[in-house]
Amino acid sequence: TLRRHLQSVHKAQYHQWAKEANFESKLPDDVKKRKEQNRKIEAEQKTLDAHLQDMTKADRVVAYSGPAFHRAILEWIPISATEHPQYRTMMEICAKSPNGIITIPDRNATRAGIMHAFHEQMSGLKDRLQVSCHRSKRSHI
């Protein structure tokens, strides 16, 4: 074909003309190279890895808004919890946090805190009632 003839015999002149005319080369080798480059680009863009950037903790903080807060309450908090005085105290403490950053403990830390508070409560109760944990060998009738 004519393109193969131009590629084999007049390649340099064709490239010069294409450059001057701002024309995309249609020679078979050039078309093949462009297709390979397009395949590489398409393969790279199928994943987001190259386009994603790590966000700092400050970038992830959601700014306060009344509607967003109300939506979070509706989705995550039992209705009765919002009326509890401790819930209101917790919200007031959070509102006064420096830089608006609040660290929320994970499940394990929360469980450990609850267990610690329970043991403290039981120890205090035992002291107040002056109860021994050892069973008496006497039987009660």
Protein backbone atom coordinates (compact mmCIF):
# COMPACT_ATOMS: atom_id res chain seq x y z
CA THR A 1 0.00 0.00 0.00
CA LEU A 2 1.01 3.63 -0.30
CA ARG A 3 1.62 4.06 3.47
CA ARG A 4 3.97 1.07 3.55
CA HIS A 5 5.83 2.46 0.50
CA LEU A 6 6.12 5.90 2.19
CA GLN A 7 7.36 4.24 5.39
CA SER A 8 10.03 2.16 3.63
CA VAL A 9 11.27 4.72 1.06
CA HIS A 10 10.26 8.27 2.12
CA LYS A 11 9.98 8.05 5.91
CA ALA A 12 12.18 11.06 6.74
CA GLN A 13 10.43 13.36 4.21
CA TYR A 14 6.98 12.18 5.39
CA HIS A 15 7.80 12.86 9.04
CA GLN A 16 9.16 16.32 8.14
CA TRP A 17 6.00 17.14 6.14
CA ALA A 18 3.72 15.79 8.92
CA LYS A 19 5.54 17.93 11.50
CA GLU A 20 5.33 21.09 9.35
CA ALA A 21 1.66 20.48 8.54
CA ASN A 22 0.88 19.62 12.18
CA PHE A 23 -0.42 16.27 10.91
CA GLU A 24 -0.52 13.02 12.86
CA SER A 25 1.55 10.37 11.09
CA LYS A 26 -0.44 7.54 9.53
CA LEU A 27 2.53 5.33 8.75
CA PRO A 28 1.95 1.74 9.98
CA ASP A 29 4.82 1.77 12.50
CA ASP A 30 3.71 5.14 13.94
CA VAL A 31 0.08 4.02 14.24
CA LYS A 32 1.25 0.82 15.97
CA LYS A 33 3.36 2.83 18.46
CA ARG A 34 0.40 5.11 19.25
CA LYS A 35 -1.88 2.13 19.83
CA GLU A 36 0.66 0.55 22.21
CA GLN A 37 1.00 3.83 24.12
CA ASN A 38 -2.79 4.13 24.38
CA ARG A 39 -3.02 0.55 25.69
CA LYS A 40 -0.41 1.34 28.35
CA ILE A 41 -2.25 4.51 29.37
CA GLU A 42 -5.60 2.71 29.51
CA ALA A 43 -4.07 -0.10 31.59
CA GLU A 44 -2.59 2.42 34.04
CA GLN A 45 -5.84 4.35 34.41
CA LYS A 46 -7.90 1.28 35.30
CA THR A 47 -6.60 1.57 38.85
CA LEU A 48 -6.81 4.60 41.08
CA ASP A 49 -3.50 3.97 42.85
CA ALA A 50 -1.56 6.57 40.89
CA HIS A 51 -4.31 9.15 41.37
CA LEU A 52 -4.91 8.69 45.09
CA GLN A 53 -3.12 10.76 47.70
CA ASP A 54 -2.80 10.16 51.43
CA MET A 55 -4.81 12.62 53.47
CA THR A 56 -3.58 13.97 56.75
CA LYS A 57 -5.78 13.57 59.81
CA ALA A 58 -6.64 17.28 59.64
CA ASP A 59 -7.90 16.84 56.05
CA ARG A 60 -10.23 14.02 57.12
CA VAL A 61 -11.91 15.99 59.90
CA VAL A 62 -15.47 16.81 58.93
CA ALA A 63 -16.50 20.34 59.78
CA TYR A 64 -19.41 20.70 62.16
CA SER A 65 -22.80 21.41 60.69
CA GLY A 66 -26.17 21.14 62.39
CA PRO A 67 -27.78 18.92 59.74
CA ALA A 68 -24.79 16.54 59.66
CA PHE A 69 -24.82 16.28 63.45
CA HIS A 70 -28.58 15.60 63.52
CA ARG A 71 -28.20 12.96 60.80
CA ALA A 72 -25.44 11.24 62.82
CA ILE A 73 -27.69 11.23 65.89
CA LEU A 74 -30.58 9.74 63.93
CA GLU A 75 -28.40 7.03 62.40
CA TRP A 76 -26.21 6.03 65.35
CA ILE A 77 -27.57 7.11 68.73
CA PRO A 78 -30.59 5.58 70.50
CA ILE A 79 -33.29 8.21 71.01
CA SER A 80 -33.17 8.04 74.80
CA ALA A 81 -29.38 8.63 74.85
CA THR A 82 -29.72 12.23 73.66
CA GLU A 83 -31.74 13.10 76.77
CA HIS A 84 -29.27 11.56 79.21
CA PRO A 85 -27.23 14.11 81.23
CA GLN A 86 -23.97 12.20 80.62
CA TYR A 87 -24.53 12.38 76.85
CA ARG A 88 -25.00 16.13 77.06
CA THR A 89 -21.86 16.44 79.22
CA MET A 90 -19.91 14.38 76.69
CA MET A 91 -21.09 16.63 73.84
CA GLU A 92 -20.11 19.76 75.78
CA ILE A 93 -16.64 18.32 76.45
CA CYS A 94 -16.22 17.44 72.77
CA ALA A 95 -17.31 20.91 71.70
CA LYS A 96 -14.49 22.42 73.77
CA SER A 97 -11.74 20.21 72.34
CA PRO A 98 -8.63 22.01 71.10
CA ASN A 99 -8.42 22.29 67.31
CA GLY A 100 -11.73 20.41 67.04
CA ILE A 101 -9.92 17.06 67.13
CA ILE A 102 -11.49 14.34 69.27
CA THR A 103 -9.93 10.92 69.80
CA ILE A 104 -12.62 8.27 70.07
CA PRO A 105 -11.48 5.06 71.80
CA ASP A 106 -11.88 1.83 69.87
CA ARG A 107 -13.95 -1.15 71.02
CA ASN A 108 -11.13 -2.82 72.98
CA ALA A 109 -10.21 0.36 74.87
CA THR A 110 -13.88 1.02 75.66
CA ARG A 111 -14.36 -2.54 76.91
CA ALA A 112 -11.22 -2.30 79.08
CA GLY A 113 -12.47 0.99 80.52
CA ILE A 114 -15.88 -0.48 81.32
CA MET A 115 -14.30 -3.54 82.97
CA HIS A 116 -11.97 -1.35 85.03
CA ALA A 117 -14.86 0.87 86.15
CA PHE A 118 -16.90 -2.24 87.05
CA HIS A 119 -14.08 -3.69 89.20
CA GLU A 120 -13.58 -0.32 90.90
CA GLN A 121 -17.31 -0.15 91.63
CA MET A 122 -17.37 -3.68 93.04
CA SER A 123 -14.32 -3.01 95.22
CA GLY A 124 -15.94 0.16 96.56
CA LEU A 125 -19.20 -1.68 97.20
CA LYS A 126 -17.36 -4.49 99.02
CA ASP A 127 -15.56 -1.93 101.22
CA ARG A 128 -18.79 -0.09 102.01
CA LEU A 129 -20.63 -3.28 102.91
CA GLN A 130 -17.58 -4.80 104.60
CA VAL A 131 -18.19 -8.13 102.91
CA SER A 132 -15.56 -10.80 102.76
CA CYS A 133 -15.10 -12.70 99.52
CA HIS A 134 -14.23 -15.90 101.40
CA ARG A 135 -17.03 -18.33 102.21
CA SER A 136 -17.55 -19.23 105.77
CA LYS A 137 -17.23 -22.91 106.68
CA ARG A 138 -20.26 -22.59 108.90
CA SER A 139 -23.54 -23.51 107.32
CA HIS A 140 -26.47 -21.15 107.58
CA ILE A 141 -29.77 -22.70 108.45
